[in-house]
């Protein structure tokens, strides 16, 4: 597995943090859910299944 560093503008960081807190998950897990959802919508095959039940 590879590591990636994201630098977010302060307002976007706060919004992602708020949403993750609201869902009761980590920011990392929320970002993984968002990326997975986007990839699936673009027809990327072979992704591991990620859902709130698997990250929480």
PDB file of N, CA and C in Angstrom:
ATOM      1  N   UNK A   1       0.851  -1.175   0.000  1.00  0.00           N
ATOM      2  CA  UNK A   1       0.000   0.000   0.000  1.00  0.00           C
ATOM      3  C   UNK A   1       0.894   1.235   0.000  1.00  0.00           C
ATOM      4  N   UNK A   2       0.492   2.255  -0.723  1.00  0.00           N
ATOM      5  CA  UNK A   2       1.237   3.508  -0.806  1.00  0.00           C
ATOM      6  C   UNK A   2       0.579   4.563   0.073  1.00  0.00           C
ATOM      7  N   UNK A   3       1.371   5.539   0.463  1.00  0.00           N
ATOM      8  CA  UNK A   3       0.888   6.622   1.316  1.00  0.00           C
ATOM      9  C   UNK A   3       0.770   7.891   0.487  1.00  0.00           C
ATOM     10  N   UNK A   4      -0.215   8.712   0.802  1.00  0.00           N
ATOM     11  CA  UNK A   4      -0.463   9.955   0.092  1.00  0.00           C
ATOM     12  C   UNK A   4      -0.741  11.055   1.109  1.00  0.00           C
ATOM     13  N   UNK A   5      -0.150  12.212   0.894  1.00  0.00           N
ATOM     14  CA  UNK A   5      -0.406  13.360   1.754  1.00  0.00           C
ATOM     15  C   UNK A   5      -1.300  14.343   1.000  1.00  0.00           C
ATOM     16  N   UNK A   6      -2.381  14.770   1.621  1.00  0.00           N
ATOM     17  CA  UNK A   6      -3.269  15.771   1.035  1.00  0.00           C
ATOM     18  C   UNK A   6      -3.130  17.077   1.801  1.00  0.00           C
ATOM     19  N   UNK A   7      -3.007  18.143   1.085  1.00  0.00           N
ATOM     20  CA  UNK A   7      -3.006  19.469   1.691  1.00  0.00           C
ATOM     21  C   UNK A   7      -4.305  20.145   1.262  1.00  0.00           C
ATOM     22  N   UNK A   8      -5.160  20.398   2.226  1.00  0.00           N
ATOM     23  CA  UNK A   8      -6.474  20.967   1.954  1.00  0.00           C
ATOM     24  C   UNK A   8      -6.537  22.409   2.435  1.00  0.00           C
ATOM     25  N   UNK A   9      -7.260  23.251   1.702  1.00  0.00           N
ATOM     26  CA  UNK A   9      -7.522  24.594   2.227  1.00  0.00           C
ATOM     27  C   UNK A   9      -8.269  24.468   3.556  1.00  0.00           C
ATOM     28  N   UNK A  10      -8.057  25.431   4.436  1.00  0.00           N
ATOM     29  CA  UNK A  10      -8.649  25.378   5.775  1.00  0.00           C
ATOM     30  C   UNK A  10     -10.154  25.147   5.754  1.00  0.00           C
ATOM     31  N   UNK A  11     -10.871  25.829   4.857  1.00  0.00           N
ATOM     32  CA  UNK A  11     -12.325  25.693   4.835  1.00  0.00           C
ATOM     33  C   UNK A  11     -12.753  24.300   4.382  1.00  0.00           C
ATOM     34  N   UNK A  12     -12.047  23.708   3.432  1.00  0.00           N
ATOM     35  CA  UNK A  12     -12.367  22.361   2.996  1.00  0.00           C
ATOM     36  C   UNK A  12     -12.032  21.348   4.084  1.00  0.00           C
ATOM     37  N   UNK A  13     -10.904  21.538   4.766  1.00  0.00           N
ATOM     38  CA  UNK A  13     -10.526  20.656   5.886  1.00  0.00           C
ATOM     39  C   UNK A  13     -11.627  20.657   6.948  1.00  0.00           C
ATOM     40  N   UNK A  14     -12.109  21.844   7.303  1.00  0.00           N
ATOM     41  CA  UNK A  14     -13.149  21.954   8.326  1.00  0.00           C
ATOM     42  C   UNK A  14     -14.433  21.251   7.891  1.00  0.00           C
ATOM     43  N   UNK A  15     -14.776  21.372   6.611  1.00  0.00           N
ATOM     44  CA  UNK A  15     -15.993  20.739   6.107  1.00  0.00           C
ATOM     45  C   UNK A  15     -15.858  19.213   6.109  1.00  0.00           C
ATOM     46  N   UNK A  16     -14.722  18.704   5.680  1.00  0.00           N
ATOM     47  CA  UNK A  16     -14.498  17.252   5.692  1.00  0.00           C
ATOM     48  C   UNK A  16     -14.498  16.737   7.130  1.00  0.00           C
ATOM     49  N   UNK A  17     -13.850  17.450   8.017  1.00  0.00           N
ATOM     50  CA  UNK A  17     -13.801  17.070   9.429  1.00  0.00           C
ATOM     51  C   UNK A  17     -15.203  17.048  10.038  1.00  0.00           C
ATOM     52  N   UNK A  18     -15.995  18.080   9.748  1.00  0.00           N
ATOM     53  CA  UNK A  18     -17.360  18.164  10.267  1.00  0.00           C
ATOM     54  C   UNK A  18     -18.202  16.994   9.771  1.00  0.00           C
ATOM     55  N   UNK A  19     -18.097  16.703   8.482  1.00  0.00           N
ATOM     56  CA  UNK A  19     -18.873  15.606   7.898  1.00  0.00           C
ATOM     57  C   UNK A  19     -18.461  14.260   8.493  1.00  0.00           C
ATOM     58  N   UNK A  20     -17.164  14.049   8.641  1.00  0.00           N
ATOM     59  CA  UNK A  20     -16.673  12.794   9.226  1.00  0.00           C
ATOM     60  C   UNK A  20     -17.153  12.649  10.669  1.00  0.00           C
ATOM     61  N   UNK A  21     -17.051  13.727  11.427  1.00  0.00           N
ATOM     62  CA  UNK A  21     -17.520  13.695  12.827  1.00  0.00           C
ATOM     63  C   UNK A  21     -19.011  13.381  12.895  1.00  0.00           C
ATOM     64  N   UNK A  22     -19.767  13.982  11.979  1.00  0.00           N
ATOM     65  CA  UNK A  22     -21.209  13.768  11.942  1.00  0.00           C
ATOM     66  C   UNK A  22     -21.540  12.300  11.660  1.00  0.00           C
ATOM     67  N   UNK A  23     -20.727  11.662  10.809  1.00  0.00           N
ATOM     68  CA  UNK A  23     -20.942  10.259  10.459  1.00  0.00           C
ATOM     69  C   UNK A  23     -20.314   9.310  11.467  1.00  0.00           C
ATOM     70  N   UNK A  24     -19.482   9.858  12.357  1.00  0.00           N
ATOM     71  CA  UNK A  24     -18.824   9.023  13.352  1.00  0.00           C
ATOM     72  C   UNK A  24     -17.676   8.200  12.785  1.00  0.00           C
ATOM     73  N   UNK A  25     -17.017   8.723  11.750  1.00  0.00           N
ATOM     74  CA  UNK A  25     -15.884   8.036  11.141  1.00  0.00           C
ATOM     75  C   UNK A  25     -14.697   8.994  11.059  1.00  0.00           C
ATOM     76  N   UNK A  26     -13.539   8.461  10.703  1.00  0.00           N
ATOM     77  CA  UNK A  26     -12.359   9.313  10.583  1.00  0.00           C
ATOM     78  C   UNK A  26     -12.375  10.057   9.246  1.00  0.00           C
ATOM     79  N   UNK A  27     -11.585  11.106   9.180  1.00  0.00           N
ATOM     80  CA  UNK A  27     -11.455  11.836   7.918  1.00  0.00           C
ATOM     81  C   UNK A  27     -10.889  10.923   6.830  1.00  0.00           C
ATOM     82  N   UNK A  28      -9.930  10.085   7.198  1.00  0.00           N
ATOM     83  CA  UNK A  28      -9.348   9.148   6.238  1.00  0.00           C
ATOM     84  C   UNK A  28     -10.428   8.248   5.646  1.00  0.00           C
ATOM     85  N   UNK A  29     -11.287   7.702   6.501  1.00  0.00           N
ATOM     86  CA  UNK A  29     -12.338   6.818   6.021  1.00  0.00           C
ATOM     87  C   UNK A  29     -13.337   7.558   5.136  1.00  0.00           C
ATOM     88  N   UNK A  30     -13.666   8.791   5.480  1.00  0.00           N
ATOM     89  CA  UNK A  30     -14.580   9.574   4.655  1.00  0.00           C
ATOM     90  C   UNK A  30     -13.966   9.837   3.287  1.00  0.00           C
ATOM     91  N   UNK A  31     -12.695  10.196   3.251  1.00  0.00           N
ATOM     92  CA  UNK A  31     -12.026  10.450   1.975  1.00  0.00           C
ATOM     93  C   UNK A  31     -11.980   9.171   1.137  1.00  0.00           C
ATOM     94  N   UNK A  32     -11.738   8.016   1.781  1.00  0.00           N
ATOM     95  CA  UNK A  32     -11.758   6.746   1.055  1.00  0.00           C
ATOM     96  C   UNK A  32     -13.146   6.466   0.479  1.00  0.00           C
ATOM     97  N   UNK A  33     -14.199   6.748   1.254  1.00  0.00           N
ATOM     98  CA  UNK A  33     -15.556   6.565   0.743  1.00  0.00           C
ATOM     99  C   UNK A  33     -15.824   7.460  -0.458  1.00  0.00           C
ATOM    100  N   UNK A  34     -15.392   8.713  -0.386  1.00  0.00           N
ATOM    101  CA  UNK A  34     -15.596   9.663  -1.478  1.00  0.00           C
ATOM    102  C   UNK A  34     -14.846   9.207  -2.728  1.00  0.00           C
ATOM    103  N   UNK A  35     -13.582   8.811  -2.570  1.00  0.00           N
ATOM    104  CA  UNK A  35     -12.789   8.347  -3.710  1.00  0.00           C
ATOM    105  C   UNK A  35     -13.380   7.083  -4.314  1.00  0.00           C
ATOM    106  N   UNK A  36     -13.790   6.157  -3.453  1.00  0.00           N
ATOM    107  CA  UNK A  36     -14.378   4.914  -3.943  1.00  0.00           C
ATOM    108  C   UNK A  36     -15.656   5.192  -4.725  1.00  0.00           C
ATOM    109  N   UNK A  37     -16.493   6.063  -4.194  1.00  0.00           N
ATOM    110  CA  UNK A  37     -17.744   6.411  -4.867  1.00  0.00           C
ATOM    111  C   UNK A  37     -17.476   7.049  -6.228  1.00  0.00           C
ATOM    112  N   UNK A  38     -16.508   7.958  -6.278  1.00  0.00           N
ATOM    113  CA  UNK A  38     -16.168   8.604  -7.543  1.00  0.00           C
ATOM    114  C   UNK A  38     -15.662   7.586  -8.560  1.00  0.00           C
ATOM    115  N   UNK A  39     -14.755   6.716  -8.131  1.00  0.00           N
ATOM    116  CA  UNK A  39     -14.199   5.712  -9.040  1.00  0.00           C
ATOM    117  C   UNK A  39     -15.286   4.786  -9.573  1.00  0.00           C
ATOM    118  N   UNK A  40     -16.188   4.365  -8.699  1.00  0.00           N
ATOM    119  CA  UNK A  40     -17.293   3.515  -9.148  1.00  0.00           C
ATOM    120  C   UNK A  40     -18.169   4.244 -10.163  1.00  0.00           C
ATOM    121  N   UNK A  41     -18.414   5.531  -9.947  1.00  0.00           N
ATOM    122  CA  UNK A  41     -19.243   6.299 -10.883  1.00  0.00           C
ATOM    123  C   UNK A  41     -18.563   6.465 -12.235  1.00  0.00           C
ATOM    124  N   UNK A  42     -17.234   6.334 -12.266  1.00  0.00           N
ATOM    125  CA  UNK A  42     -16.470   6.444 -13.510  1.00  0.00           C
ATOM    126  C   UNK A  42     -16.228   5.079 -14.159  1.00  0.00           C
ATOM    127  N   UNK A  43     -16.742   4.020 -13.528  1.00  0.00           N
ATOM    128  CA  UNK A  43     -16.625   2.691 -14.095  1.00  0.00           C
ATOM    129  C   UNK A  43     -15.283   2.019 -13.854  1.00  0.00           C
ATOM    130  N   UNK A  44     -14.554   2.465 -12.839  1.00  0.00           N
ATOM    131  CA  UNK A  44     -13.278   1.835 -12.506  1.00  0.00           C
ATOM    132  C   UNK A  44     -13.576   0.485 -11.864  1.00  0.00           C
ATOM    133  N   UNK A  45     -13.024  -0.562 -12.444  1.00  0.00           N
ATOM    134  CA  UNK A  45     -13.292  -1.913 -11.956  1.00  0.00           C
ATOM    135  C   UNK A  45     -12.187  -2.388 -11.031  1.00  0.00           C
ATOM    136  N   UNK A  46     -12.518  -3.365 -10.189  1.00  0.00           N
ATOM    137  CA  UNK A  46     -11.517  -3.996  -9.343  1.00  0.00           C
ATOM    138  C   UNK A  46     -11.241  -3.290  -8.030  1.00  0.00           C
ATOM    139  N   UNK A  47     -12.078  -2.334  -7.653  1.00  0.00           N
ATOM    140  CA  UNK A  47     -11.892  -1.645  -6.379  1.00  0.00           C
ATOM    141  C   UNK A  47     -12.432  -2.490  -5.242  1.00  0.00           C
ATOM    142  N   UNK A  48     -11.778  -2.444  -4.081  1.00  0.00           N
ATOM    143  CA  UNK A  48     -12.359  -3.143  -2.926  1.00  0.00           C
ATOM    144  C   UNK A  48     -13.654  -2.447  -2.512  1.00  0.00           C
ATOM    145  N   UNK A  49     -14.601  -3.210  -2.027  1.00  0.00           N
ATOM    146  CA  UNK A  49     -15.863  -2.638  -1.586  1.00  0.00           C
ATOM    147  C   UNK A  49     -15.652  -1.876  -0.285  1.00  0.00           C
ATOM    148  N   UNK A  50     -16.047  -0.612  -0.266  1.00  0.00           N
ATOM    149  CA  UNK A  50     -15.926   0.223   0.920  1.00  0.00           C
ATOM    150  C   UNK A  50     -17.300   0.790   1.230  1.00  0.00           C
ATOM    151  N   UNK A  51     -17.721   0.652   2.486  1.00  0.00           N
ATOM    152  CA  UNK A  51     -18.991   1.224   2.917  1.00  0.00           C
ATOM    153  C   UNK A  51     -18.849   1.673   4.350  1.00  0.00           C
ATOM    154  N   UNK A  52     -19.828   2.395   4.839  1.00  0.00           N
ATOM    155  CA  UNK A  52     -19.759   2.844   6.230  1.00  0.00           C
ATOM    156  C   UNK A  52     -19.632   1.670   7.182  1.00  0.00           C
ATOM    157  N   UNK A  53     -20.235   0.550   6.849  1.00  0.00           N
ATOM    158  CA  UNK A  53     -20.151  -0.605   7.756  1.00  0.00           C
ATOM    159  C   UNK A  53     -18.756  -1.214   7.781  1.00  0.00           C
ATOM    160  N   UNK A  54     -17.978  -1.063   6.697  1.00  0.00           N
ATOM    161  CA  UNK A  54     -16.632  -1.641   6.681  1.00  0.00           C
ATOM    162  C   UNK A  54     -15.578  -0.700   7.243  1.00  0.00           C
ATOM    163  N   UNK A  55     -15.869   0.601   7.298  1.00  0.00           N
ATOM    164  CA  UNK A  55     -14.881   1.543   7.833  1.00  0.00           C
ATOM    165  C   UNK A  55     -15.159   1.912   9.272  1.00  0.00           C
ATOM    166  N   UNK A  56     -16.384   1.758   9.718  1.00  0.00           N
ATOM    167  CA  UNK A  56     -16.725   2.167  11.081  1.00  0.00           C
ATOM    168  C   UNK A  56     -16.399   1.099  12.084  1.00  0.00           C
TER     169      UNK A  56
END
